[in-house]
């Protein structure tokens, strides 16, 4: 609840100006509620108008993206880039291609990215972009033509020292490759650090594909170790989603001794008593990304694993299973209050967000009030952007590190991030409140940089 008059005034003005952007307002309110004790100790923030500047993007670029489908018909989508905050480094954040993309969603994601990137300790500002284009059901040539058209406008606004996009939902190695090629063609330059998630043959990093899922498990494992002298060994886990983050979370949970009982997609969920096999998920995911993906769903998992059971319908059914740990790795606001109630009733003790804000405010509050260790996405899923930053470092050095080197740095930084979040929560008298710890720790670095740089 907002009690600080300055923060209430800022939020009320923001809500009035952005009434049609609920996800953005939800993200801002969560952060402002968390940082109240910091703001009360620092009256200079109000004098500098710091919070007013913090919640307003530095720049938003909107543009049309015309492209030609395989039938020769001209299609038009809308493209965006929200350059939210560059106080601690060039804008950095993914590009999302999904029908749900709009300005409000990207403002929420860019705002969250600002603090997530701050928590990594790497010099990266916050940004997000994308389009309402849906790559599902499109051929490779249609995806290529769209990506080239998208980059033909976006290239004017990005660069390795300005804004460095990456992938997100709907944007994988195929799309990144097409966009990088078009950027290189338009600028007559090879700027490796300009776009991350690249293929290994042209500057990509080993372990980038696995990074978000692995990082989520490293963060969760460190929390278990420090809070309860425990580990993932022998733990049962349920996961929402079956994309890139979910696949490699499944793999890492298994490597750390746990068992994933179920995962989901938009068509339903699959339960495997033998433990979800990440190689089968990879197989299904690659079919979805093949350009020949019509009719491809997670239901295909049972073709390769006959002991598994497919449940058609709402993928939220995974939250009804008894488990020790829940890892929501799908889209925003897909774990609701009734799901939280079911998880708590069935013995869940830890929730780690693998996606961006997948848990509603009501569900988050319920977890916290019922003793569940809740790990917010801006910390728990930062592994992806962290390794994107390491990809930029490798590009700048003209070197490629081994998988073990990158994975080792990822594990070290994610475990260190947990301690930063945990220590910050304790410092402000909120031990165990990792939402507040993450928000305050991420905010302080950005705020100090903004103050030092003057009004800009």
Protein backbone atom coordinates (compact mmCIF):
# COMPACT_ATOMS: atom_id res chain seq x y z
CA UNK A 1 0.00 0.00 0.00
CA UNK A 2 1.30 3.45 -0.93
CA UNK A 3 1.51 5.71 2.11
CA UNK A 4 4.29 8.10 1.11
CA UNK A 5 2.67 11.32 -0.16
CA UNK A 6 5.32 11.99 -2.79
CA UNK A 7 5.06 8.47 -4.26
CA UNK A 8 1.25 8.56 -4.13
CA UNK A 9 1.24 11.83 -6.06
CA UNK A 10 3.61 10.44 -8.68
CA UNK A 11 1.60 7.23 -9.07
CA UNK A 12 -1.77 8.99 -9.25
CA UNK A 13 -0.50 11.24 -12.02
CA UNK A 14 0.94 8.27 -13.87
CA UNK A 15 -2.32 6.31 -13.52
CA UNK A 16 -4.27 9.24 -14.93
CA UNK A 17 -1.98 9.51 -17.97
CA UNK A 18 -1.75 5.75 -18.58
CA UNK A 19 -5.19 4.47 -17.57
CA UNK A 20 -5.27 1.99 -20.48
CA UNK A 21 -1.96 0.31 -19.51
CA UNK A 22 -2.78 -1.94 -16.51
CA UNK A 23 0.34 -4.12 -16.70
CA UNK A 24 2.59 -1.05 -16.67
CA UNK A 25 0.74 0.46 -13.71
CA UNK A 26 0.88 -2.88 -11.86
CA UNK A 27 4.67 -3.06 -12.28
CA UNK A 28 5.21 0.55 -11.23
CA UNK A 29 2.99 0.29 -8.17
CA UNK A 30 4.83 -2.82 -6.94
CA UNK A 31 8.18 -1.03 -7.18
CA UNK A 32 6.95 2.20 -5.60
CA UNK A 33 5.41 0.33 -2.67
CA UNK A 34 8.73 -1.48 -2.12
CA UNK A 35 10.98 1.59 -2.22
CA UNK A 36 8.94 3.70 0.24
CA UNK A 37 11.43 3.30 3.13
CA UNK A 38 14.29 4.37 0.85
CA UNK A 39 12.47 7.42 -0.48
CA UNK A 40 11.57 8.52 3.04
CA UNK A 41 15.29 8.52 3.94
CA UNK A 42 16.24 10.53 0.84
CA UNK A 43 14.30 13.80 0.47
CA UNK A 44 16.71 14.76 -2.32
CA UNK A 45 14.85 12.34 -4.61
CA UNK A 46 11.75 14.52 -4.54
CA UNK A 47 13.73 17.72 -5.03
CA UNK A 48 15.39 16.19 -8.11
CA UNK A 49 12.07 14.87 -9.48
CA UNK A 50 13.77 11.50 -9.60
CA UNK A 51 10.73 9.23 -9.30
CA UNK A 52 8.80 11.24 -11.92
CA UNK A 53 11.70 10.67 -14.31
CA UNK A 54 12.17 7.05 -13.30
CA UNK A 55 8.61 6.02 -14.26
CA UNK A 56 8.62 7.83 -17.61
CA UNK A 57 10.44 6.16 -20.56
CA UNK A 58 13.25 8.22 -22.04
CA UNK A 59 11.98 7.45 -25.52
CA UNK A 60 9.30 5.38 -27.30
CA UNK A 61 9.60 4.58 -30.99
CA UNK A 62 6.54 3.29 -32.87
CA UNK A 63 6.59 2.38 -36.54
CA UNK A 64 4.77 0.39 -39.22
CA UNK A 65 6.25 -2.86 -40.49
CA UNK A 66 5.02 -3.72 -44.01
CA UNK A 67 5.93 -7.14 -45.41
CA UNK A 68 4.77 -9.54 -48.13
CA UNK A 69 3.41 -13.00 -47.31
CA UNK A 70 3.91 -16.15 -49.39
CA UNK A 71 0.71 -15.44 -51.35
CA UNK A 72 2.08 -12.05 -52.44
CA UNK A 73 -0.28 -10.10 -50.18
CA UNK A 74 1.02 -7.05 -48.32
CA UNK A 75 0.67 -7.32 -44.54
CA UNK A 76 1.23 -4.52 -42.02
CA UNK A 77 2.18 -4.89 -38.37
CA UNK A 78 3.18 -2.35 -35.74
CA UNK A 79 6.70 -2.23 -34.34
CA UNK A 80 7.91 -0.69 -31.08
CA UNK A 81 11.03 0.05 -29.08
CA UNK A 82 10.68 1.43 -25.56
CA UNK A 83 14.03 2.90 -24.44
CA UNK A 84 13.21 3.19 -20.78
CA UNK A 85 16.33 4.12 -18.83
CA UNK A 86 20.00 4.47 -19.77
CA UNK A 87 21.39 5.74 -16.45
CA UNK A 88 23.74 2.78 -15.94
CA UNK A 89 24.39 1.69 -19.53
CA UNK A 90 23.01 1.33 -23.06
CA UNK A 91 19.37 0.24 -23.26
CA UNK A 92 19.22 -3.55 -23.08
CA UNK A 93 16.19 -5.82 -23.35
CA UNK A 94 14.45 -8.25 -25.61
CA UNK A 95 12.24 -8.01 -28.68
CA UNK A 96 8.90 -9.84 -28.39
CA UNK A 97 6.87 -10.94 -31.43
CA UNK A 98 3.38 -11.88 -30.21
CA UNK A 99 -0.20 -10.75 -31.00
CA UNK A 100 -0.56 -9.42 -27.42
CA UNK A 101 2.25 -6.88 -27.84
CA UNK A 102 1.24 -3.25 -27.34
CA UNK A 103 2.83 -0.14 -25.91
CA UNK A 104 1.61 -0.78 -22.35
CA UNK A 105 3.01 -4.32 -22.23
CA UNK A 106 6.39 -3.10 -23.50
CA UNK A 107 6.49 -0.21 -21.04
CA UNK A 108 5.89 -2.68 -18.21
CA UNK A 109 8.64 -4.96 -19.53
CA UNK A 110 11.08 -2.07 -20.09
CA UNK A 111 10.45 -0.71 -16.59
CA UNK A 112 11.06 -4.16 -15.04
CA UNK A 113 14.15 -4.61 -17.24
CA UNK A 114 15.72 -1.47 -15.80
CA UNK A 115 15.88 -2.97 -12.31
CA UNK A 116 16.63 -6.50 -13.49
CA UNK A 117 19.66 -5.26 -15.40
CA UNK A 118 20.76 -3.23 -12.40
CA UNK A 119 20.70 -6.39 -10.26
CA UNK A 120 23.04 -8.24 -12.65
CA UNK A 121 25.81 -5.75 -11.69
CA UNK A 122 26.60 -5.34 -15.42
CA UNK A 123 26.47 -1.87 -17.08
CA UNK A 124 23.12 -2.21 -18.89
CA UNK A 125 20.14 0.13 -18.98
CA UNK A 126 16.54 -0.99 -19.52
CA UNK A 127 14.55 -1.29 -22.73
CA UNK A 128 12.08 -3.55 -24.50
CA UNK A 129 10.56 -3.79 -27.96
CA UNK A 130 8.78 -5.96 -30.45
CA UNK A 131 5.71 -6.24 -32.61
CA UNK A 132 2.19 -7.69 -32.73
CA UNK A 133 3.46 -10.01 -35.49
CA UNK A 134 2.86 -13.70 -34.76
CA UNK A 135 5.61 -15.99 -36.12
CA UNK A 136 3.53 -19.13 -35.47
CA UNK A 137 2.22 -20.66 -38.67
CA UNK A 138 4.53 -18.49 -40.80
CA UNK A 139 7.10 -19.91 -43.19
CA UNK A 140 10.79 -19.17 -42.77
CA UNK A 141 10.64 -16.82 -45.76
CA UNK A 142 7.70 -14.89 -44.28
CA UNK A 143 9.54 -14.56 -40.97
CA UNK A 144 12.65 -13.39 -42.80
CA UNK A 145 10.76 -10.75 -44.79
CA UNK A 146 9.10 -9.47 -41.64
CA UNK A 147 12.37 -9.34 -39.67
CA UNK A 148 14.13 -7.49 -42.47
CA UNK A 149 11.35 -4.91 -42.68
CA UNK A 150 11.30 -4.54 -38.89
CA UNK A 151 15.06 -3.92 -38.75
CA UNK A 152 14.93 -1.50 -41.70
CA UNK A 153 13.28 0.98 -39.35
CA UNK A 154 14.69 -0.13 -35.98
CA UNK A 155 18.36 0.07 -37.09
CA UNK A 156 18.27 3.89 -36.93
CA UNK A 157 17.66 3.79 -33.19
CA UNK A 158 20.02 1.05 -31.94
CA UNK A 159 23.74 0.24 -31.79
CA UNK A 160 26.26 -1.39 -29.47
CA UNK A 161 26.74 1.84 -27.46
CA UNK A 162 23.10 2.99 -27.72
CA UNK A 163 20.59 0.15 -27.51
CA UNK A 164 21.29 -3.58 -27.67
CA UNK A 165 18.16 -5.73 -28.20
CA UNK A 166 17.92 -9.49 -27.71
CA UNK A 167 15.29 -12.21 -28.10
CA UNK A 168 12.11 -12.78 -26.10
CA UNK A 169 8.81 -14.59 -26.74
CA UNK A 170 8.54 -15.29 -30.48
CA UNK A 171 12.12 -14.18 -31.15
CA UNK A 172 14.73 -16.94 -31.14
CA UNK A 173 17.91 -17.67 -33.04
CA UNK A 174 16.17 -17.63 -36.43
CA UNK A 175 14.69 -14.16 -35.96
CA UNK A 176 17.85 -12.74 -34.36
CA UNK A 177 19.89 -14.04 -37.31
CA UNK A 178 17.61 -12.41 -39.88
CA UNK A 179 17.62 -9.09 -38.02
CA UNK A 180 21.38 -9.10 -37.48
CA UNK A 181 21.96 -9.76 -41.16
CA UNK A 182 19.73 -6.85 -42.15
CA UNK A 183 21.41 -4.51 -39.63
CA UNK A 184 24.84 -5.46 -41.01
CA UNK A 185 23.62 -4.88 -44.54
CA UNK A 186 22.13 -1.45 -43.78
CA UNK A 187 25.04 -0.12 -41.73
CA UNK A 188 27.93 -1.82 -43.52
CA UNK A 189 29.32 -2.75 -40.11
CA UNK A 190 29.62 -5.85 -37.95
CA UNK A 191 28.62 -4.73 -34.44
CA UNK A 192 28.52 -7.98 -32.52
CA UNK A 193 27.34 -6.40 -29.27
CA UNK A 194 24.43 -4.62 -30.97
CA UNK A 195 22.19 -7.73 -30.86
CA UNK A 196 22.51 -10.71 -28.54
CA UNK A 197 21.24 -14.25 -28.79
CA UNK A 198 23.16 -14.59 -32.06
CA UNK A 199 24.24 -17.86 -33.63
CA UNK A 200 27.58 -19.27 -32.47
CA UNK A 201 29.14 -18.78 -35.91
CA UNK A 202 28.70 -14.99 -35.81
CA UNK A 203 29.37 -13.90 -32.25
CA UNK A 204 26.82 -15.71 -30.12
CA UNK A 205 27.62 -17.10 -26.68
CA UNK A 206 27.54 -20.65 -25.49
CA UNK A 207 25.00 -21.16 -22.66
CA UNK A 208 22.87 -18.20 -23.83
CA UNK A 209 20.02 -20.51 -24.83
CA UNK A 210 20.04 -22.23 -21.44
CA UNK A 211 20.76 -19.11 -19.38
CA UNK A 212 17.31 -18.02 -18.13
CA UNK A 213 16.21 -21.51 -17.09
CA UNK A 214 19.59 -22.36 -15.55
CA UNK A 215 19.79 -19.00 -13.76
CA UNK A 216 16.32 -19.49 -12.28
CA UNK A 217 17.44 -22.80 -10.77
CA UNK A 218 20.73 -21.38 -9.46
CA UNK A 219 18.86 -18.54 -7.74
CA UNK A 220 16.28 -20.94 -6.27
CA UNK A 221 18.97 -23.38 -5.14
CA UNK A 222 20.88 -20.61 -3.36
CA UNK A 223 17.68 -19.50 -1.62
CA UNK A 224 17.04 -23.05 -0.40
CA UNK A 225 20.63 -23.38 0.81
CA UNK A 226 20.72 -20.08 2.70
CA UNK A 227 17.20 -20.06 4.12
CA UNK A 228 16.72 -23.71 5.02
CA UNK A 229 20.09 -25.42 4.63
CA UNK A 230 18.39 -27.40 1.87
CA UNK A 231 18.77 -28.09 -1.86
CA UNK A 232 16.81 -29.14 -4.95
CA UNK A 233 17.79 -32.76 -4.29
CA UNK A 234 14.64 -34.88 -4.07
CA UNK A 235 12.27 -31.93 -4.60
CA UNK A 236 9.16 -32.14 -6.78
CA UNK A 237 8.62 -29.20 -9.14
CA UNK A 238 5.84 -28.00 -11.42
CA UNK A 239 6.47 -25.53 -14.25
CA UNK A 240 4.12 -23.46 -16.40
CA UNK A 241 5.21 -22.97 -19.98
CA UNK A 242 7.20 -25.24 -22.28
CA UNK A 243 9.34 -22.77 -24.19
CA UNK A 244 12.99 -21.90 -23.91
CA UNK A 245 12.96 -20.92 -20.20
CA UNK A 246 10.90 -23.93 -19.13
CA UNK A 247 12.96 -26.44 -21.13
CA UNK A 248 16.25 -25.55 -19.51
CA UNK A 249 14.73 -25.11 -16.07
CA UNK A 250 13.54 -28.72 -16.43
CA UNK A 251 17.05 -29.81 -17.42
CA UNK A 252 18.79 -27.98 -14.56
CA UNK A 253 16.26 -29.14 -11.93
CA UNK A 254 17.03 -32.72 -13.00
CA UNK A 255 20.79 -32.10 -12.89
CA UNK A 256 20.43 -30.71 -9.35
CA UNK A 257 18.51 -33.79 -8.20
CA UNK A 258 14.89 -32.66 -8.45
CA UNK A 259 12.00 -33.95 -10.56
CA UNK A 260 9.65 -31.84 -12.71
CA UNK A 261 6.19 -33.40 -12.64
CA UNK A 262 4.38 -31.26 -15.21
CA UNK A 263 4.58 -28.33 -17.65
CA UNK A 264 2.12 -26.57 -19.96
CA UNK A 265 1.37 -24.59 -23.10
CA UNK A 266 -1.65 -22.57 -24.23
CA UNK A 267 -3.52 -25.75 -25.21
CA UNK A 268 -3.18 -27.66 -21.92
CA UNK A 269 -0.63 -29.39 -19.73
CA UNK A 270 1.29 -32.63 -19.56
CA UNK A 271 1.98 -34.70 -16.44
CA UNK A 272 4.79 -37.26 -16.45
CA UNK A 273 5.17 -39.51 -13.36
CA UNK A 274 8.70 -40.38 -14.53
CA UNK A 275 9.67 -36.70 -14.58
CA UNK A 276 9.40 -34.37 -17.58
CA UNK A 277 12.09 -35.15 -20.18
CA UNK A 278 13.62 -31.90 -21.43
CA UNK A 279 14.84 -33.54 -24.66
CA UNK A 280 11.24 -34.28 -25.65
CA UNK A 281 10.26 -30.68 -24.82
CA UNK A 282 13.13 -29.51 -27.04
CA UNK A 283 11.81 -31.71 -29.85
CA UNK A 284 8.30 -30.22 -29.60
CA UNK A 285 9.67 -26.66 -29.23
CA UNK A 286 11.85 -27.04 -32.33
CA UNK A 287 8.81 -28.19 -34.30
CA UNK A 288 6.94 -25.09 -33.12
CA UNK A 289 9.85 -22.95 -34.35
CA UNK A 290 10.33 -24.81 -37.64
CA UNK A 291 8.19 -22.74 -39.98
CA UNK A 292 5.95 -25.81 -40.35
CA UNK A 293 4.27 -25.56 -36.97
CA UNK A 294 0.55 -25.69 -37.70
CA UNK A 295 -1.13 -28.06 -35.27
CA UNK A 296 2.01 -28.52 -33.15
CA UNK A 297 1.21 -28.52 -29.41
CA UNK A 298 2.65 -29.93 -26.20
CA UNK A 299 0.17 -32.83 -26.59
CA UNK A 300 2.82 -34.40 -28.85
CA UNK A 301 4.90 -35.09 -25.71
CA UNK A 302 2.85 -38.22 -24.97
CA UNK A 303 3.72 -39.66 -28.42
CA UNK A 304 7.28 -40.11 -27.18
CA UNK A 305 6.46 -40.68 -23.50
CA UNK A 306 3.45 -43.04 -23.29
CA UNK A 307 3.39 -43.00 -19.47
CA UNK A 308 2.67 -39.28 -19.55
CA UNK A 309 -0.87 -37.88 -19.45
CA UNK A 310 -2.07 -34.93 -21.54
CA UNK A 311 -4.74 -32.65 -20.05
CA UNK A 312 -6.38 -30.48 -22.67
CA UNK A 313 -7.63 -27.04 -21.67
CA UNK A 314 -6.18 -24.35 -19.46
CA UNK A 315 -2.45 -24.80 -18.83
CA UNK A 316 -3.02 -23.41 -15.33
CA UNK A 317 -4.03 -26.94 -14.34
CA UNK A 318 -0.38 -27.59 -13.44
CA UNK A 319 -0.89 -25.54 -10.26
CA UNK A 320 -3.32 -28.13 -8.90
CA UNK A 321 -0.57 -30.75 -8.48
CA UNK A 322 1.11 -31.28 -5.08
CA UNK A 323 4.72 -30.09 -5.28
CA UNK A 324 7.57 -28.59 -3.26
CA UNK A 325 8.47 -25.86 -5.77
CA UNK A 326 6.54 -23.97 -8.47
CA UNK A 327 8.33 -22.19 -11.33
CA UNK A 328 5.96 -20.07 -13.46
CA UNK A 329 7.71 -19.67 -16.83
CA UNK A 330 4.83 -18.55 -19.08
CA UNK A 331 3.50 -15.03 -19.69
CA UNK A 332 2.47 -12.24 -17.32
CA UNK A 333 -0.45 -12.70 -14.88
CA UNK A 334 -0.94 -16.43 -15.51
CA UNK A 335 -0.69 -17.56 -11.86
CA UNK A 336 -3.83 -16.28 -10.15
CA UNK A 337 -4.99 -16.13 -6.53
CA UNK A 338 -6.91 -19.43 -6.79
CA UNK A 339 -3.76 -21.07 -8.19
CA UNK A 340 -1.73 -19.75 -5.25
CA UNK A 341 -4.32 -21.10 -2.84
CA UNK A 342 -4.15 -24.54 -4.47
CA UNK A 343 -0.34 -24.57 -4.39
CA UNK A 344 -0.19 -23.62 -0.70
CA UNK A 345 -2.87 -26.19 0.19
CA UNK A 346 -0.85 -28.86 -1.63
CA UNK A 347 2.40 -28.13 0.22
CA UNK A 348 4.34 -25.80 -2.10
CA UNK A 349 7.07 -23.95 -0.15
CA UNK A 350 8.99 -22.05 -2.88
CA UNK A 351 7.90 -20.10 -5.97
CA UNK A 352 10.47 -18.75 -8.44
CA UNK A 353 9.33 -16.60 -11.37
CA UNK A 354 10.94 -17.69 -14.63
CA UNK A 355 8.78 -15.25 -16.60
CA UNK A 356 8.17 -11.52 -16.22
CA UNK A 357 5.43 -10.85 -13.64
CA UNK A 358 3.61 -14.19 -14.21
CA UNK A 359 2.09 -13.96 -10.70
CA UNK A 360 -0.72 -11.51 -9.96
CA UNK A 361 -0.37 -9.12 -7.02
CA UNK A 362 -3.10 -11.00 -5.12
CA UNK A 363 -1.32 -14.33 -5.62
CA UNK A 364 2.05 -12.86 -4.62
CA UNK A 365 0.56 -11.44 -1.42
CA UNK A 366 -1.08 -14.79 -0.61
CA UNK A 367 2.23 -16.62 -1.00
CA UNK A 368 4.03 -14.15 1.26
CA UNK A 369 1.30 -14.28 3.91
CA UNK A 370 1.44 -18.08 3.96
CA UNK A 371 5.18 -18.53 4.42
CA UNK A 372 6.07 -19.38 0.81
CA UNK A 373 9.52 -18.16 -0.27
CA UNK A 374 8.61 -16.03 -3.30
CA UNK A 375 11.39 -15.14 -5.78
CA UNK A 376 10.36 -12.29 -8.12
CA UNK A 377 11.17 -12.45 -11.83
CA UNK A 378 13.32 -9.34 -11.94
CA UNK A 379 15.88 -11.29 -9.90
CA UNK A 380 15.09 -14.96 -10.47
CA UNK A 381 14.90 -14.83 -14.27
CA UNK A 382 17.79 -12.40 -14.82
CA UNK A 383 20.06 -15.16 -16.11
CA UNK A 384 19.10 -14.53 -19.73
CA UNK A 385 20.03 -10.86 -19.84
CA UNK A 386 23.05 -11.60 -17.67
CA UNK A 387 24.49 -13.95 -20.29
CA UNK A 388 23.48 -11.47 -23.00
CA UNK A 389 25.76 -9.03 -21.17
CA UNK A 390 28.48 -11.68 -21.13
CA UNK A 391 27.94 -12.16 -24.89
CA UNK A 392 28.55 -8.43 -25.34
CA UNK A 393 31.75 -8.74 -23.28
CA UNK A 394 32.99 -11.60 -25.46
CA UNK A 395 32.20 -9.61 -28.61
CA UNK A 396 34.11 -6.60 -27.25
CA UNK A 397 37.12 -8.80 -26.47
CA UNK A 398 36.89 -10.67 -29.80
CA UNK A 399 36.88 -13.90 -27.81
CA UNK A 400 34.59 -16.86 -27.27
CA UNK A 401 34.41 -18.46 -23.83
CA UNK A 402 33.70 -22.15 -23.25
CA UNK A 403 30.28 -23.33 -22.09
CA UNK A 404 31.78 -24.10 -18.68
CA UNK A 405 33.23 -20.59 -18.36
CA UNK A 406 29.93 -18.89 -19.20
CA UNK A 407 27.87 -21.27 -17.05
CA UNK A 408 30.29 -20.78 -14.16
CA UNK A 409 29.99 -16.98 -14.36
CA UNK A 410 26.19 -17.31 -14.62
CA UNK A 411 26.00 -19.48 -11.51
CA UNK A 412 28.36 -17.22 -9.55
CA UNK A 413 26.46 -14.04 -10.46
CA UNK A 414 22.98 -15.53 -9.88
CA UNK A 415 23.97 -16.87 -6.46
CA UNK A 416 25.56 -13.50 -5.67
CA UNK A 417 22.38 -11.76 -6.79
CA UNK A 418 20.37 -13.77 -4.28
CA UNK A 419 22.65 -12.56 -1.48
CA UNK A 420 22.31 -8.94 -2.64
CA UNK A 421 18.50 -9.25 -2.62
CA UNK A 422 18.47 -11.12 0.71
CA UNK A 423 20.86 -8.69 2.41
CA UNK A 424 18.90 -5.67 1.17
CA UNK A 425 15.63 -7.10 2.50
CA UNK A 426 17.26 -7.67 5.89
CA UNK A 427 18.78 -4.16 5.91
CA UNK A 428 15.31 -2.65 5.58
CA UNK A 429 13.72 -4.91 8.20
CA UNK A 430 11.95 -7.16 5.67
CA UNK A 431 13.80 -10.47 5.99
CA UNK A 432 12.36 -13.04 3.58
CA UNK A 433 10.59 -10.40 1.45
CA UNK A 434 12.52 -10.91 -1.77
CA UNK A 435 10.16 -8.68 -3.77
CA UNK A 436 11.13 -5.71 -1.61
CA UNK A 437 14.80 -6.75 -1.53
CA UNK A 438 15.01 -7.01 -5.33
CA UNK A 439 13.16 -3.75 -5.95
CA UNK A 440 15.23 -1.74 -3.48
CA UNK A 441 18.58 -3.22 -4.55
CA UNK A 442 17.81 -2.62 -8.23
CA UNK A 443 16.46 0.87 -7.57
CA UNK A 444 19.40 2.16 -5.50
CA UNK A 445 22.00 1.73 -8.26
CA UNK A 446 19.79 3.39 -10.87
CA UNK A 447 18.80 6.22 -8.52
CA UNK A 448 22.41 7.00 -7.58
CA UNK A 449 23.39 7.13 -11.26
CA UNK A 450 20.45 9.40 -12.15
CA UNK A 451 21.29 11.81 -9.33
CA UNK A 452 24.94 11.96 -10.36
CA UNK A 453 24.04 12.75 -13.99
CA UNK A 454 21.79 15.72 -13.19
CA UNK A 455 18.33 16.43 -14.60
CA UNK A 456 18.25 14.57 -17.91
